């Protein structure tokens, strides 16, 4: 993914988060969650204290047939995250645009449980 598109989706998510959840902590950007097992996987956004992560899937409609082209490395990343006890929310830019309140609400409700 180009730096420009990475920054666009980051800006979009952070704007939504700041607007809709000002009483909650800001996430860490590009958080390396599995460095203790010598990996280089990063979440787009993470709240390490809560073990909550967000991935904004900017390539959701990138291949013929209408589906996201899922790489083995993506699957490995998500499996390692689950193994390590992370809760990973995956949103498309369209989801954030159509229902930003619903997306943010899912995250804040999990934070309130902890």
Protein backbone atom coordinates (compact mmCIF):
# COMPACT_ATOMS: atom_id res chain seq x y z
CA UNK A 1 0.00 0.00 0.00
CA UNK A 2 1.35 3.42 -0.85
CA UNK A 3 2.22 5.85 1.90
CA UNK A 4 -0.44 8.23 0.60
CA UNK A 5 -3.28 5.70 0.85
CA UNK A 6 -1.98 4.53 4.25
CA UNK A 7 -2.07 8.10 5.52
CA UNK A 8 -5.54 8.67 4.05
CA UNK A 9 -7.08 5.70 5.84
CA UNK A 10 -5.22 6.58 9.05
CA UNK A 11 -6.46 10.16 8.90
CA UNK A 12 -10.00 8.97 8.22
CA UNK A 13 -10.09 6.53 11.12
CA UNK A 14 -8.46 8.93 13.58
CA UNK A 15 -10.86 11.72 12.62
CA UNK A 16 -13.83 9.41 13.21
CA UNK A 17 -12.37 8.17 16.51
CA UNK A 18 -11.59 11.66 17.86
CA UNK A 19 -15.00 12.99 16.88
CA UNK A 20 -17.09 10.12 18.23
CA UNK A 21 -15.08 8.99 21.27
CA UNK A 22 -13.33 12.01 22.81
CA UNK A 23 -13.43 10.45 26.30
CA UNK A 24 -11.49 7.35 25.23
CA UNK A 25 -7.73 7.02 24.69
CA UNK A 26 -6.24 7.51 21.26
CA UNK A 27 -4.91 4.36 19.62
CA UNK A 28 -1.29 3.72 18.81
CA UNK A 29 -0.62 3.89 15.08
CA UNK A 30 1.24 1.04 13.31
CA UNK A 31 1.59 -0.93 16.53
CA UNK A 32 3.96 -3.92 16.45
CA UNK A 33 2.00 -6.43 18.52
CA UNK A 34 4.14 -9.55 18.24
CA UNK A 35 7.67 -8.27 18.66
CA UNK A 36 8.25 -10.63 21.61
CA UNK A 37 8.07 -13.60 19.25
CA UNK A 38 10.36 -11.89 16.76
CA UNK A 39 7.78 -10.95 14.15
CA UNK A 40 7.11 -7.74 12.32
CA UNK A 41 3.34 -7.71 12.20
CA UNK A 42 1.69 -4.38 12.83
CA UNK A 43 -1.87 -3.32 13.44
CA UNK A 44 -3.11 -0.17 11.78
CA UNK A 45 -4.30 0.98 15.21
CA UNK A 46 -4.11 -0.57 18.65
CA UNK A 47 -4.92 -0.01 22.29
CA UNK A 48 -2.35 -2.34 23.89
CA UNK A 49 -3.79 -1.95 27.40
CA UNK A 50 -7.07 -3.42 26.15
CA UNK A 51 -5.54 -5.76 23.55
CA UNK A 52 -7.87 -4.24 20.97
CA UNK A 53 -6.80 -3.56 17.40
CA UNK A 54 -8.29 -2.04 14.28
CA UNK A 55 -7.38 -2.87 10.73
CA UNK A 56 -8.75 -0.56 8.03
CA UNK A 57 -8.88 -2.77 4.97
CA UNK A 58 -8.26 -0.30 2.19
CA UNK A 59 -8.01 -2.99 -0.50
CA UNK A 60 -11.40 -4.58 0.10
CA UNK A 61 -12.46 -4.72 -3.55
CA UNK A 62 -9.08 -5.10 -5.20
CA UNK A 63 -9.50 -8.23 -7.34
CA UNK A 64 -11.81 -9.62 -9.98
CA UNK A 65 -14.85 -11.23 -8.47
CA UNK A 66 -15.43 -8.46 -5.95
CA UNK A 67 -13.57 -9.88 -2.94
CA UNK A 68 -10.43 -8.85 -1.14
CA UNK A 69 -7.34 -10.76 -2.14
CA UNK A 70 -6.35 -12.25 1.18
CA UNK A 71 -2.66 -13.04 1.45
CA UNK A 72 -1.32 -15.87 3.61
CA UNK A 73 0.66 -13.25 5.54
CA UNK A 74 -2.61 -11.48 6.43
CA UNK A 75 -4.09 -14.72 7.71
CA UNK A 76 -0.94 -15.53 9.67
CA UNK A 77 -1.04 -12.07 11.25
CA UNK A 78 -4.68 -12.42 12.34
CA UNK A 79 -4.14 -15.95 13.66
CA UNK A 80 -1.12 -14.88 15.72
CA UNK A 81 -3.14 -11.96 17.08
CA UNK A 82 -5.96 -14.26 18.21
CA UNK A 83 -3.46 -16.69 19.74
CA UNK A 84 -2.00 -13.79 21.71
CA UNK A 85 -5.42 -12.74 23.00
CA UNK A 86 -6.05 -9.71 20.77
CA UNK A 87 -9.49 -8.66 19.58
CA UNK A 88 -9.14 -7.38 16.04
CA UNK A 89 -11.80 -5.26 14.38
CA UNK A 90 -11.62 -5.05 10.60
CA UNK A 91 -13.34 -2.18 8.84
CA UNK A 92 -13.43 -1.03 5.24
CA UNK A 93 -13.30 2.70 4.46
CA UNK A 94 -16.91 2.30 3.27
CA UNK A 95 -18.00 0.91 6.65
CA UNK A 96 -16.39 3.87 8.41
CA UNK A 97 -18.15 6.24 6.03
CA UNK A 98 -21.60 4.57 6.15
CA UNK A 99 -21.73 3.75 9.86
CA UNK A 100 -18.95 5.47 11.81
CA UNK A 101 -20.98 5.42 15.02
CA UNK A 102 -21.50 1.65 14.78
CA UNK A 103 -17.80 1.01 14.13
CA UNK A 104 -16.63 3.15 17.04
CA UNK A 105 -19.38 1.83 19.30
CA UNK A 106 -18.12 -1.76 18.89
CA UNK A 107 -14.68 -0.74 20.12
CA UNK A 108 -15.80 1.42 23.03
CA UNK A 109 -18.19 -1.26 24.32
CA UNK A 110 -15.31 -3.74 24.53
CA UNK A 111 -13.19 -1.12 26.32
CA UNK A 112 -15.93 -0.66 28.91
CA UNK A 113 -15.99 -4.40 29.69
CA UNK A 114 -12.33 -4.49 30.73
